[in-house]
Amino acid sequence: MTDKPTVSVLGTGIMGAAMARNLARAGLGVRAWNRSREKAESLAADGIRVTGTPAEAVEGADAVLTMLYDGKTVLDVMREAAPALRPGTVWAQCTTAGIGLVADLAAFAREHGLVFYDAPVLGTRQPAEAGQLTVLAAGPEEGREAVTPLFDAVGAKTVWTGEDGAAGSASRLKLVANSWVLAATAATGEVLALSKALGVDPQSFFDIVAGGPLDMGYLRAKSALVLEGRLTPASFAVATAEKDARLIVEAGELSGVRLDVAAAAAERFARAAAQGHADEDMAAAYFASFDERPAEG
């Protein structure tokens, strides 16, 4: 890589935009592309070059980082970028793509001579903006010196899960972690909904679990978003949570495991999205417990 490596960030939503900014702050040259260009334009103020096409973004780049909606979208965008991809370019694939498409993404990388890293991240808007994500990474030992500056810029730590990105070990670990996050989110919404239905002050519940093994910071943080009406801007949107929940269910089915809670969570997120909460924080799955949006208070 050059003295000032150039990184192409494809996808500048909640996570991708924050990651692009942190890459730029780390002194890397950053180009960014997003399907809706207007959502990327604000990055220009951070010294990031916003491009009109994926091919323009990756031309001559030392590394490509993808942070898009799902694995199919990643593959489609990388195919658009293909004419300008340079053999030997490092590809950090950070989208939560599940396990079904990792092999296809790795095959695309081999076809175009890219050094493929399966590298989903743990964290939401706030840790992404602070450069405090946890990067789960799998890929060849040779080439890590090129990808490490990227991971160090966007994350507080990198957890290496293997040397073969095509095996999807990092994506598998990400799904396990997300299965817990989404189950906890759904349970939080149901606790609040049941409290409302039974006329119980949620604080009474928080008080009886306070300081014990049933207490958790995540419960309190997500509850506060609902109780205080702070569901936008989303740290992690309802629509994305539904997508991840379905990836988890699919992974379980492929492995012969039935995941009833994940399947139910996917349906809750889908109902909340249908009620108009798709772009709100995933804590808005709370509203899926009601046929109509309940009155505040």
C-alpha atoms as a PDB file:
ATOM      1  CA  MET A   1       0.000   0.000   0.000  1.00  0.00           C
ATOM      2  CA  THR A   2       1.070   3.626  -0.472  1.00  0.00           C
ATOM      3  CA  ASP A   3       2.228   6.019   2.260  1.00  0.00           C
ATOM      4  CA  LYS A   4      -1.323   7.354   2.436  1.00  0.00           C
ATOM      5  CA  PRO A   5      -3.492   4.366   1.559  1.00  0.00           C
ATOM      6  CA  THR A   6      -6.711   5.009  -0.311  1.00  0.00           C
ATOM      7  CA  VAL A   7      -9.828   3.274   0.962  1.00  0.00           C
ATOM      8  CA  SER A   8     -13.074   3.006  -0.957  1.00  0.00           C
ATOM      9  CA  VAL A   9     -16.147   2.823   1.295  1.00  0.00           C
ATOM     10  CA  LEU A  10     -19.179   1.422  -0.507  1.00  0.00           C
ATOM     11  CA  GLY A  11     -22.318   2.141   1.506  1.00  0.00           C
ATOM     12  CA  THR A  12     -22.643   5.225   3.722  1.00  0.00           C
ATOM     13  CA  GLY A  13     -25.688   4.575   5.860  1.00  0.00           C
ATOM     14  CA  ILE A  14     -25.700   4.776   9.671  1.00  0.00           C
ATOM     15  CA  MET A  15     -22.585   2.648  10.003  1.00  0.00           C
ATOM     16  CA  GLY A  16     -20.754   3.260   6.742  1.00  0.00           C
ATOM     17  CA  ALA A  17     -20.747   7.051   7.067  1.00  0.00           C
ATOM     18  CA  ALA A  18     -19.302   6.892  10.580  1.00  0.00           C
ATOM     19  CA  MET A  19     -16.666   4.394   9.485  1.00  0.00           C
ATOM     20  CA  ALA A  20     -15.688   6.553   6.507  1.00  0.00           C
ATOM     21  CA  ARG A  21     -15.206   9.574   8.773  1.00  0.00           C
ATOM     22  CA  ASN A  22     -13.011   7.608  11.163  1.00  0.00           C
ATOM     23  CA  LEU A  23     -10.910   6.292   8.301  1.00  0.00           C
ATOM     24  CA  ALA A  24     -10.369   9.871   7.144  1.00  0.00           C
ATOM     25  CA  ARG A  25      -9.504  11.020  10.678  1.00  0.00           C
ATOM     26  CA  ALA A  26      -6.900   8.265  10.820  1.00  0.00           C
ATOM     27  CA  GLY A  27      -5.139   9.869   7.879  1.00  0.00           C
ATOM     28  CA  LEU A  28      -6.299   7.519   5.146  1.00  0.00           C
ATOM     29  CA  GLY A  29      -7.454   8.798   1.787  1.00  0.00           C
ATOM     30  CA  VAL A  30     -11.155   7.967   1.594  1.00  0.00           C
ATOM     31  CA  ARG A  31     -13.583   7.782  -1.304  1.00  0.00           C
ATOM     32  CA  ALA A  32     -17.220   7.061  -0.622  1.00  0.00           C
ATOM     33  CA  TRP A  33     -20.145   5.874  -2.683  1.00  0.00           C
ATOM     34  CA  ASN A  34     -23.786   5.428  -1.766  1.00  0.00           C
ATOM     35  CA  ARG A  35     -26.729   4.459  -3.957  1.00  0.00           C
ATOM     36  CA  SER A  36     -28.519   7.609  -2.773  1.00  0.00           C
ATOM     37  CA  ARG A  37     -25.712  10.085  -3.336  1.00  0.00           C
ATOM     38  CA  GLU A  38     -27.330  12.852  -1.288  1.00  0.00           C
ATOM     39  CA  LYS A  39     -26.884  10.708   1.835  1.00  0.00           C
ATOM     40  CA  ALA A  40     -23.127  10.723   1.242  1.00  0.00           C
ATOM     41  CA  GLU A  41     -22.649  14.370   0.303  1.00  0.00           C
ATOM     42  CA  SER A  42     -22.081  15.532   3.906  1.00  0.00           C
ATOM     43  CA  LEU A  43     -18.898  13.422   3.989  1.00  0.00           C
ATOM     44  CA  ALA A  44     -17.195  15.908   1.679  1.00  0.00           C
ATOM     45  CA  ALA A  45     -16.808  18.251   4.657  1.00  0.00           C
ATOM     46  CA  ASP A  46     -14.548  15.608   6.223  1.00  0.00           C
ATOM     47  CA  GLY A  47     -12.215  15.574   3.233  1.00  0.00           C
ATOM     48  CA  ILE A  48     -13.846  12.482   1.744  1.00  0.00           C
ATOM     49  CA  ARG A  49     -14.292  12.295  -2.013  1.00  0.00           C
ATOM     50  CA  VAL A  50     -17.876  11.356  -2.844  1.00  0.00           C
ATOM     51  CA  THR A  51     -18.157   9.472  -6.131  1.00  0.00           C
ATOM     52  CA  GLY A  52     -20.979   8.822  -8.551  1.00  0.00           C
ATOM     53  CA  THR A  53     -20.391   5.119  -9.190  1.00  0.00           C
ATOM     54  CA  PRO A  54     -18.835   2.152  -7.368  1.00  0.00           C
ATOM     55  CA  ALA A  55     -16.284   1.815 -10.173  1.00  0.00           C
ATOM     56  CA  GLU A  56     -15.167   5.421  -9.718  1.00  0.00           C
ATOM     57  CA  ALA A  57     -14.830   4.840  -5.981  1.00  0.00           C
ATOM     58  CA  VAL A  58     -12.616   1.753  -6.253  1.00  0.00           C
ATOM     59  CA  GLU A  59     -10.409   2.808  -9.160  1.00  0.00           C
ATOM     60  CA  GLY A  60      -6.794   2.706  -7.951  1.00  0.00           C
ATOM     61  CA  ALA A  61      -7.859   2.118  -4.334  1.00  0.00           C
ATOM     62  CA  ASP A  62      -5.631   0.096  -2.019  1.00  0.00           C
ATOM     63  CA  ALA A  63      -8.596  -1.259  -0.081  1.00  0.00           C
ATOM     64  CA  VAL A  64     -12.359  -1.565  -0.420  1.00  0.00           C
ATOM     65  CA  LEU A  65     -14.712  -1.633   2.568  1.00  0.00           C
ATOM     66  CA  THR A  66     -18.323  -2.665   1.992  1.00  0.00           C
ATOM     67  CA  MET A  67     -21.038  -1.703   4.489  1.00  0.00           C
ATOM     68  CA  LEU A  68     -24.299  -2.256   2.658  1.00  0.00           C
ATOM     69  CA  TYR A  69     -27.750  -3.628   3.484  1.00  0.00           C
ATOM     70  CA  ASP A  70     -27.197  -7.336   2.833  1.00  0.00           C
ATOM     71  CA  GLY A  71     -25.031  -9.849   1.013  1.00  0.00           C
ATOM     72  CA  LYS A  72     -26.984  -9.698  -2.245  1.00  0.00           C
ATOM     73  CA  THR A  73     -26.579  -5.925  -2.351  1.00  0.00           C
ATOM     74  CA  VAL A  74     -22.846  -6.293  -1.704  1.00  0.00           C
ATOM     75  CA  LEU A  75     -22.473  -8.692  -4.613  1.00  0.00           C
ATOM     76  CA  ASP A  76     -24.490  -6.448  -6.938  1.00  0.00           C
ATOM     77  CA  VAL A  77     -22.437  -3.363  -6.029  1.00  0.00           C
ATOM     78  CA  MET A  78     -19.116  -5.172  -6.337  1.00  0.00           C
ATOM     79  CA  ARG A  79     -20.148  -6.355  -9.801  1.00  0.00           C
ATOM     80  CA  GLU A  80     -20.754  -2.702 -10.710  1.00  0.00           C
ATOM     81  CA  ALA A  81     -17.284  -1.897  -9.392  1.00  0.00           C
ATOM     82  CA  ALA A  82     -15.622  -4.863 -11.098  1.00  0.00           C
ATOM     83  CA  PRO A  83     -14.257  -3.061 -14.209  1.00  0.00           C
ATOM     84  CA  ALA A  84     -12.132  -0.793 -11.987  1.00  0.00           C
ATOM     85  CA  LEU A  85     -11.006  -3.309  -9.359  1.00  0.00           C
ATOM     86  CA  ARG A  86      -7.265  -3.867  -9.225  1.00  0.00           C
ATOM     87  CA  PRO A  87      -5.867  -7.380  -8.492  1.00  0.00           C
ATOM     88  CA  GLY A  88      -4.254  -7.482  -5.060  1.00  0.00           C
ATOM     89  CA  THR A  89      -6.697  -4.967  -3.570  1.00  0.00           C
ATOM     90  CA  VAL A  90      -7.762  -5.752  -0.014  1.00  0.00           C
ATOM     91  CA  TRP A  91     -11.513  -6.185   0.456  1.00  0.00           C
ATOM     92  CA  ALA A  92     -12.918  -5.827   3.976  1.00  0.00           C
ATOM     93  CA  GLN A  93     -16.501  -7.076   3.742  1.00  0.00           C
ATOM     94  CA  CYS A  94     -18.178  -5.578   6.841  1.00  0.00           C
ATOM     95  CA  THR A  95     -21.849  -6.010   5.926  1.00  0.00           C
ATOM     96  CA  THR A  96     -23.844  -8.509   7.994  1.00  0.00           C
ATOM     97  CA  ALA A  97     -24.424 -10.882   5.100  1.00  0.00           C
ATOM     98  CA  GLY A  98     -25.242 -14.080   6.967  1.00  0.00           C
ATOM     99  CA  ILE A  99     -23.544 -17.333   6.079  1.00  0.00           C
ATOM    100  CA  GLY A 100     -25.376 -18.206   2.875  1.00  0.00           C
ATOM    101  CA  LEU A 101     -23.607 -15.658   0.663  1.00  0.00           C
ATOM    102  CA  VAL A 102     -20.101 -15.550   2.154  1.00  0.00           C
ATOM    103  CA  ALA A 103     -18.876 -18.257  -0.202  1.00  0.00           C
ATOM    104  CA  ASP A 104     -20.253 -16.333  -3.203  1.00  0.00           C
ATOM    105  CA  LEU A 105     -18.558 -13.123  -2.061  1.00  0.00           C
ATOM    106  CA  ALA A 106     -15.274 -14.969  -1.548  1.00  0.00           C
ATOM    107  CA  ALA A 107     -15.610 -16.538  -5.010  1.00  0.00           C
ATOM    108  CA  PHE A 108     -16.065 -13.075  -6.511  1.00  0.00           C
ATOM    109  CA  ALA A 109     -12.898 -11.968  -4.696  1.00  0.00           C
ATOM    110  CA  ARG A 110     -10.916 -14.906  -6.118  1.00  0.00           C
ATOM    111  CA  GLU A 111     -12.230 -14.233  -9.613  1.00  0.00           C
ATOM    112  CA  HIS A 112     -10.954 -10.655  -9.447  1.00  0.00           C
ATOM    113  CA  GLY A 113      -7.739 -11.314  -7.524  1.00  0.00           C
ATOM    114  CA  LEU A 114      -8.892  -9.519  -4.362  1.00  0.00           C
ATOM    115  CA  VAL A 115      -7.618 -10.341  -0.857  1.00  0.00           C
ATOM    116  CA  PHE A 116     -10.877 -11.166   0.932  1.00  0.00           C
ATOM    117  CA  TYR A 117     -11.585 -10.521   4.610  1.00  0.00           C
ATOM    118  CA  ASP A 118     -14.891 -11.564   6.144  1.00  0.00           C
ATOM    119  CA  ALA A 119     -15.150  -8.692   8.653  1.00  0.00           C
ATOM    120  CA  PRO A 120     -18.578  -7.884  10.131  1.00  0.00           C
ATOM    121  CA  VAL A 121     -18.612  -5.456  13.044  1.00  0.00           C
ATOM    122  CA  LEU A 122     -20.348  -5.383  16.418  1.00  0.00           C
ATOM    123  CA  GLY A 123     -21.801  -2.064  17.486  1.00  0.00           C
ATOM    124  CA  THR A 124     -24.374   0.539  16.549  1.00  0.00           C
ATOM    125  CA  ARG A 125     -24.363   4.248  15.660  1.00  0.00           C
ATOM    126  CA  GLN A 126     -22.643   5.586  18.794  1.00  0.00           C
ATOM    127  CA  PRO A 127     -19.662   3.190  18.882  1.00  0.00           C
ATOM    128  CA  ALA A 128     -19.349   3.526  15.104  1.00  0.00           C
ATOM    129  CA  GLU A 129     -19.095   7.304  15.397  1.00  0.00           C
ATOM    130  CA  ALA A 130     -16.562   6.973  18.217  1.00  0.00           C
ATOM    131  CA  GLY A 131     -14.432   4.422  16.356  1.00  0.00           C
ATOM    132  CA  GLN A 132     -15.187   1.895  19.097  1.00  0.00           C
ATOM    133  CA  LEU A 133     -16.653  -0.980  17.089  1.00  0.00           C
ATOM    134  CA  THR A 134     -15.505  -4.554  17.566  1.00  0.00           C
ATOM    135  CA  VAL A 135     -14.302  -5.998  14.273  1.00  0.00           C
ATOM    136  CA  LEU A 136     -14.766  -9.732  13.800  1.00  0.00           C
ATOM    137  CA  ALA A 137     -12.341 -10.755  11.089  1.00  0.00           C
ATOM    138  CA  ALA A 138     -11.261 -13.799   9.144  1.00  0.00           C
ATOM    139  CA  GLY A 139      -8.712 -13.727   6.357  1.00  0.00           C
ATOM    140  CA  PRO A 140      -5.175 -14.610   5.342  1.00  0.00           C
ATOM    141  CA  GLU A 141      -2.246 -13.817   7.623  1.00  0.00           C
ATOM    142  CA  GLU A 142      -0.430 -12.458   4.601  1.00  0.00           C
ATOM    143  CA  GLY A 143      -2.097  -9.152   3.869  1.00  0.00           C
ATOM    144  CA  ARG A 144      -3.220  -8.304   7.384  1.00  0.00           C
ATOM    145  CA  GLU A 145      -0.681  -5.486   7.564  1.00  0.00           C
ATOM    146  CA  ALA A 146      -2.730  -3.830   4.825  1.00  0.00           C
ATOM    147  CA  VAL A 147      -6.134  -4.265   6.447  1.00  0.00           C
ATOM    148  CA  THR A 148      -5.133  -3.618  10.070  1.00  0.00           C
ATOM    149  CA  PRO A 149      -5.043   0.202   9.682  1.00  0.00           C
ATOM    150  CA  LEU A 150      -8.655   0.078   8.505  1.00  0.00           C
ATOM    151  CA  PHE A 151      -9.792  -2.033  11.426  1.00  0.00           C
ATOM    152  CA  ASP A 152      -7.838   0.090  13.911  1.00  0.00           C
ATOM    153  CA  ALA A 153      -9.480   3.247  12.554  1.00  0.00           C
ATOM    154  CA  VAL A 154     -13.062   2.009  12.920  1.00  0.00           C
ATOM    155  CA  GLY A 155     -12.774  -0.273  15.933  1.00  0.00           C
ATOM    156  CA  ALA A 156     -11.552  -0.519  19.507  1.00  0.00           C
ATOM    157  CA  LYS A 157     -10.447  -4.104  18.947  1.00  0.00           C
ATOM    158  CA  THR A 158     -10.231  -6.768  16.272  1.00  0.00           C
ATOM    159  CA  VAL A 159     -11.077 -10.381  17.040  1.00  0.00           C
ATOM    160  CA  TRP A 160      -9.522 -12.768  14.512  1.00  0.00           C
ATOM    161  CA  THR A 161     -11.606 -15.897  13.975  1.00  0.00           C
ATOM    162  CA  GLY A 162      -9.653 -17.661  11.239  1.00  0.00           C
ATOM    163  CA  GLU A 163      -7.431 -17.377   8.175  1.00  0.00           C
ATOM    164  CA  ASP A 164      -9.999 -18.274   5.517  1.00  0.00           C
ATOM    165  CA  GLY A 165     -12.574 -15.576   4.898  1.00  0.00           C
ATOM    166  CA  ALA A 166     -14.542 -17.907   2.631  1.00  0.00           C
ATOM    167  CA  ALA A 167     -15.311 -20.172   5.612  1.00  0.00           C
ATOM    168  CA  GLY A 168     -17.368 -17.362   7.145  1.00  0.00           C
ATOM    169  CA  SER A 169     -16.190 -17.880  10.731  1.00  0.00           C
ATOM    170  CA  ALA A 170     -16.459 -14.154  11.484  1.00  0.00           C
ATOM    171  CA  SER A 171     -19.959 -13.959  10.012  1.00  0.00           C
ATOM    172  CA  ARG A 172     -20.987 -16.992  12.053  1.00  0.00           C
ATOM    173  CA  LEU A 173     -19.820 -15.353  15.262  1.00  0.00           C
ATOM    174  CA  LYS A 174     -21.628 -12.145  14.291  1.00  0.00           C
ATOM    175  CA  LEU A 175     -24.916 -14.026  13.910  1.00  0.00           C
ATOM    176  CA  VAL A 176     -24.492 -15.639  17.319  1.00  0.00           C
ATOM    177  CA  ALA A 177     -23.874 -12.234  18.895  1.00  0.00           C
ATOM    178  CA  ASN A 178     -26.782 -10.632  17.054  1.00  0.00           C
ATOM    179  CA  SER A 179     -29.121 -13.438  18.086  1.00  0.00           C
ATOM    180  CA  TRP A 180     -28.629 -12.343  21.692  1.00  0.00           C
ATOM    181  CA  VAL A 181     -28.962  -8.625  20.896  1.00  0.00           C
ATOM    182  CA  LEU A 182     -32.203  -9.086  18.960  1.00  0.00           C
ATOM    183  CA  ALA A 183     -33.701 -11.450  21.550  1.00  0.00           C
ATOM    184  CA  ALA A 184     -32.913  -8.931  24.307  1.00  0.00           C
ATOM    185  CA  THR A 185     -34.441  -6.128  22.228  1.00  0.00           C
ATOM    186  CA  ALA A 186     -37.650  -8.074  21.623  1.00  0.00           C
ATOM    187  CA  ALA A 187     -37.889  -9.072  25.297  1.00  0.00           C
ATOM    188  CA  THR A 188     -37.423  -5.452  26.372  1.00  0.00           C
ATOM    189  CA  GLY A 189     -40.307  -4.353  24.166  1.00  0.00           C
ATOM    190  CA  GLU A 190     -42.560  -7.084  25.536  1.00  0.00           C
ATOM    191  CA  VAL A 191     -41.737  -6.199  29.152  1.00  0.00           C
ATOM    192  CA  LEU A 192     -42.724  -2.594  28.504  1.00  0.00           C
ATOM    193  CA  ALA A 193     -45.862  -3.590  26.590  1.00  0.00           C
ATOM    194  CA  LEU A 194     -47.014  -5.981  29.318  1.00  0.00           C
ATOM    195  CA  SER A 195     -46.304  -3.354  31.968  1.00  0.00           C
ATOM    196  CA  LYS A 196     -48.515  -0.891  30.105  1.00  0.00           C
ATOM    197  CA  ALA A 197     -51.276  -3.435  29.583  1.00  0.00           C
ATOM    198  CA  LEU A 198     -51.317  -4.420  33.269  1.00  0.00           C
ATOM    199  CA  GLY A 199     -51.008  -0.889  34.592  1.00  0.00           C
ATOM    200  CA  VAL A 200     -47.578  -1.521  36.098  1.00  0.00           C
ATOM    201  CA  ASP A 201     -45.025   1.278  36.297  1.00  0.00           C
ATOM    202  CA  PRO A 202     -41.949  -0.048  34.401  1.00  0.00           C
ATOM    203  CA  GLN A 203     -39.771   1.533  37.078  1.00  0.00           C
ATOM    204  CA  SER A 204     -41.171  -0.989  39.547  1.00  0.00           C
ATOM    205  CA  PHE A 205     -39.725  -3.772  37.396  1.00  0.00           C
ATOM    206  CA  PHE A 206     -36.377  -1.987  37.052  1.00  0.00           C
ATOM    207  CA  ASP A 207     -36.260  -1.580  40.846  1.00  0.00           C
ATOM    208  CA  ILE A 208     -36.824  -5.255  41.654  1.00  0.00           C
ATOM    209  CA  VAL A 209     -34.094  -6.449  39.269  1.00  0.00           C
ATOM    210  CA  ALA A 210     -31.641  -3.624  40.066  1.00  0.00           C
ATOM    211  CA  GLY A 211     -28.126  -4.845  40.753  1.00  0.00           C
ATOM    212  CA  GLY A 212     -29.010  -8.505  40.349  1.00  0.00           C
ATOM    213  CA  PRO A 213     -28.292 -11.090  37.645  1.00  0.00           C
ATOM    214  CA  LEU A 214     -31.481 -10.145  35.752  1.00  0.00           C
ATOM    215  CA  ASP A 215     -30.454  -6.512  35.450  1.00  0.00           C
ATOM    216  CA  MET A 216     -28.603  -5.279  32.388  1.00  0.00           C
ATOM    217  CA  GLY A 217     -27.574  -1.939  30.969  1.00  0.00           C
ATOM    218  CA  TYR A 218     -28.989  -2.827  27.572  1.00  0.00           C
ATOM    219  CA  LEU A 219     -32.487  -3.317  29.038  1.00  0.00           C
ATOM    220  CA  ARG A 220     -32.386   0.141  30.584  1.00  0.00           C
ATOM    221  CA  ALA A 221     -30.903   1.838  27.522  1.00  0.00           C
ATOM    222  CA  LYS A 222     -33.459   0.430  25.074  1.00  0.00           C
ATOM    223  CA  SER A 223     -36.348   0.980  27.508  1.00  0.00           C
ATOM    224  CA  ALA A 224     -35.378   4.630  27.843  1.00  0.00           C
ATOM    225  CA  LEU A 225     -35.594   5.118  24.064  1.00  0.00           C
ATOM    226  CA  VAL A 226     -39.202   3.929  24.127  1.00  0.00           C
ATOM    227  CA  LEU A 227     -40.307   5.595  27.366  1.00  0.00           C
ATOM    228  CA  GLU A 228     -38.713   8.917  26.452  1.00  0.00           C
ATOM    229  CA  GLY A 229     -39.735   8.858  22.780  1.00  0.00           C
ATOM    230  CA  ARG A 230     -36.155   8.951  21.492  1.00  0.00           C
ATOM    231  CA  LEU A 231     -36.449   6.412  18.687  1.00  0.00           C
ATOM    232  CA  THR A 232     -34.865   8.657  16.063  1.00  0.00           C
ATOM    233  CA  PRO A 233     -32.212   8.880  14.892  1.00  0.00           C
ATOM    234  CA  ALA A 234     -31.867   5.121  15.009  1.00  0.00           C
ATOM    235  CA  SER A 235     -28.763   3.452  16.372  1.00  0.00           C
ATOM    236  CA  PHE A 236     -29.874   0.282  14.583  1.00  0.00           C
ATOM    237  CA  ALA A 237     -33.051   0.421  12.541  1.00  0.00           C
ATOM    238  CA  VAL A 238     -36.072  -1.865  12.791  1.00  0.00           C
ATOM    239  CA  ALA A 239     -35.791  -2.857   9.123  1.00  0.00           C
ATOM    240  CA  THR A 240     -32.158  -3.890   9.525  1.00  0.00           C
ATOM    241  CA  ALA A 241     -32.966  -5.809  12.695  1.00  0.00           C
ATOM    242  CA  GLU A 242     -35.642  -7.771  10.809  1.00  0.00           C
ATOM    243  CA  LYS A 243     -33.146  -8.604   8.067  1.00  0.00           C
ATOM    244  CA  ASP A 244     -30.578  -9.833  10.603  1.00  0.00           C
ATOM    245  CA  ALA A 245     -33.170 -11.869  12.501  1.00  0.00           C
ATOM    246  CA  ARG A 246     -34.119 -13.659   9.286  1.00  0.00           C
ATOM    247  CA  LEU A 247     -30.445 -14.351   8.542  1.00  0.00           C
ATOM    248  CA  ILE A 248     -30.154 -15.907  11.997  1.00  0.00           C
ATOM    249  CA  VAL A 249     -33.214 -18.106  11.444  1.00  0.00           C
ATOM    250  CA  GLU A 250     -31.862 -19.151   8.039  1.00  0.00           C
ATOM    251  CA  ALA A 251     -28.471 -20.019   9.528  1.00  0.00           C
ATOM    252  CA  GLY A 252     -30.175 -22.160  12.149  1.00  0.00           C
ATOM    253  CA  GLU A 253     -32.225 -23.980   9.525  1.00  0.00           C
ATOM    254  CA  LEU A 254     -29.128 -24.674   7.437  1.00  0.00           C
ATOM    255  CA  SER A 255     -27.489 -26.143  10.528  1.00  0.00           C
ATOM    256  CA  GLY A 256     -30.490 -28.183  11.678  1.00  0.00           C
ATOM    257  CA  VAL A 257     -31.354 -25.922  14.611  1.00  0.00           C
ATOM    258  CA  ARG A 258     -34.790 -24.446  15.267  1.00  0.00           C
ATOM    259  CA  LEU A 259     -34.626 -20.894  16.612  1.00  0.00           C
ATOM    260  CA  ASP A 260     -38.128 -20.036  17.801  1.00  0.00           C
ATOM    261  CA  VAL A 261     -37.187 -16.789  19.579  1.00  0.00           C
ATOM    262  CA  ALA A 262     -35.297 -15.433  16.570  1.00  0.00           C
ATOM    263  CA  ALA A 263     -38.212 -16.318  14.286  1.00  0.00           C
ATOM    264  CA  ALA A 264     -40.660 -14.549  16.606  1.00  0.00           C
ATOM    265  CA  ALA A 265     -38.356 -11.525  16.802  1.00  0.00           C
ATOM    266  CA  ALA A 266     -38.250 -11.328  13.013  1.00  0.00           C
ATOM    267  CA  GLU A 267     -42.062 -11.210  12.932  1.00  0.00           C
ATOM    268  CA  ARG A 268     -42.162  -8.516  15.636  1.00  0.00           C
ATOM    269  CA  PHE A 269     -39.730  -6.348  13.687  1.00  0.00           C
ATOM    270  CA  ALA A 270     -41.761  -6.918  10.512  1.00  0.00           C
ATOM    271  CA  ARG A 271     -44.989  -5.825  12.239  1.00  0.00           C
ATOM    272  CA  ALA A 272     -43.303  -2.733  13.666  1.00  0.00           C
ATOM    273  CA  ALA A 273     -41.982  -1.856  10.213  1.00  0.00           C
ATOM    274  CA  ALA A 274     -45.453  -2.285   8.700  1.00  0.00           C
ATOM    275  CA  GLN A 275     -46.794   0.135  11.332  1.00  0.00           C
ATOM    276  CA  GLY A 276     -44.395   2.799  10.062  1.00  0.00           C
ATOM    277  CA  HIS A 277     -41.398   2.260  12.358  1.00  0.00           C
ATOM    278  CA  ALA A 278     -38.969   0.754   9.828  1.00  0.00           C
ATOM    279  CA  ASP A 279     -36.444   3.576  10.104  1.00  0.00           C
ATOM    280  CA  GLU A 280     -36.736   4.043  13.862  1.00  0.00           C
ATOM    281  CA  ASP A 281     -34.465   2.387  16.406  1.00  0.00           C
ATOM    282  CA  MET A 282     -35.069  -1.334  16.754  1.00  0.00           C
ATOM    283  CA  ALA A 283     -36.442  -0.667  20.246  1.00  0.00           C
ATOM    284  CA  ALA A 284     -39.579   0.411  18.352  1.00  0.00           C
ATOM    285  CA  ALA A 285     -40.410  -3.295  18.069  1.00  0.00           C
ATOM    286  CA  TYR A 286     -42.291  -2.438  21.283  1.00  0.00           C
ATOM    287  CA  PHE A 287     -45.154  -1.166  19.127  1.00  0.00           C
ATOM    288  CA  ALA A 288     -45.591  -4.598  17.525  1.00  0.00           C
ATOM    289  CA  SER A 289     -47.395  -5.637  20.716  1.00  0.00           C
ATOM    290  CA  PHE A 290     -50.306  -3.337  19.879  1.00  0.00           C
ATOM    291  CA  ASP A 291     -52.760  -3.231  16.999  1.00  0.00           C
ATOM    292  CA  GLU A 292     -52.473   0.553  17.054  1.00  0.00           C
ATOM    293  CA  ARG A 293     -49.785   2.859  18.400  1.00  0.00           C
ATOM    294  CA  PRO A 294     -50.558   3.271  22.121  1.00  0.00           C
ATOM    295  CA  ALA A 295     -50.932   6.688  23.659  1.00  0.00           C
ATOM    296  CA  GLU A 296     -47.773   8.100  25.223  1.00  0.00           C
ATOM    297  CA  GLY A 297     -47.381   7.952  28.969  1.00  0.00           C
END
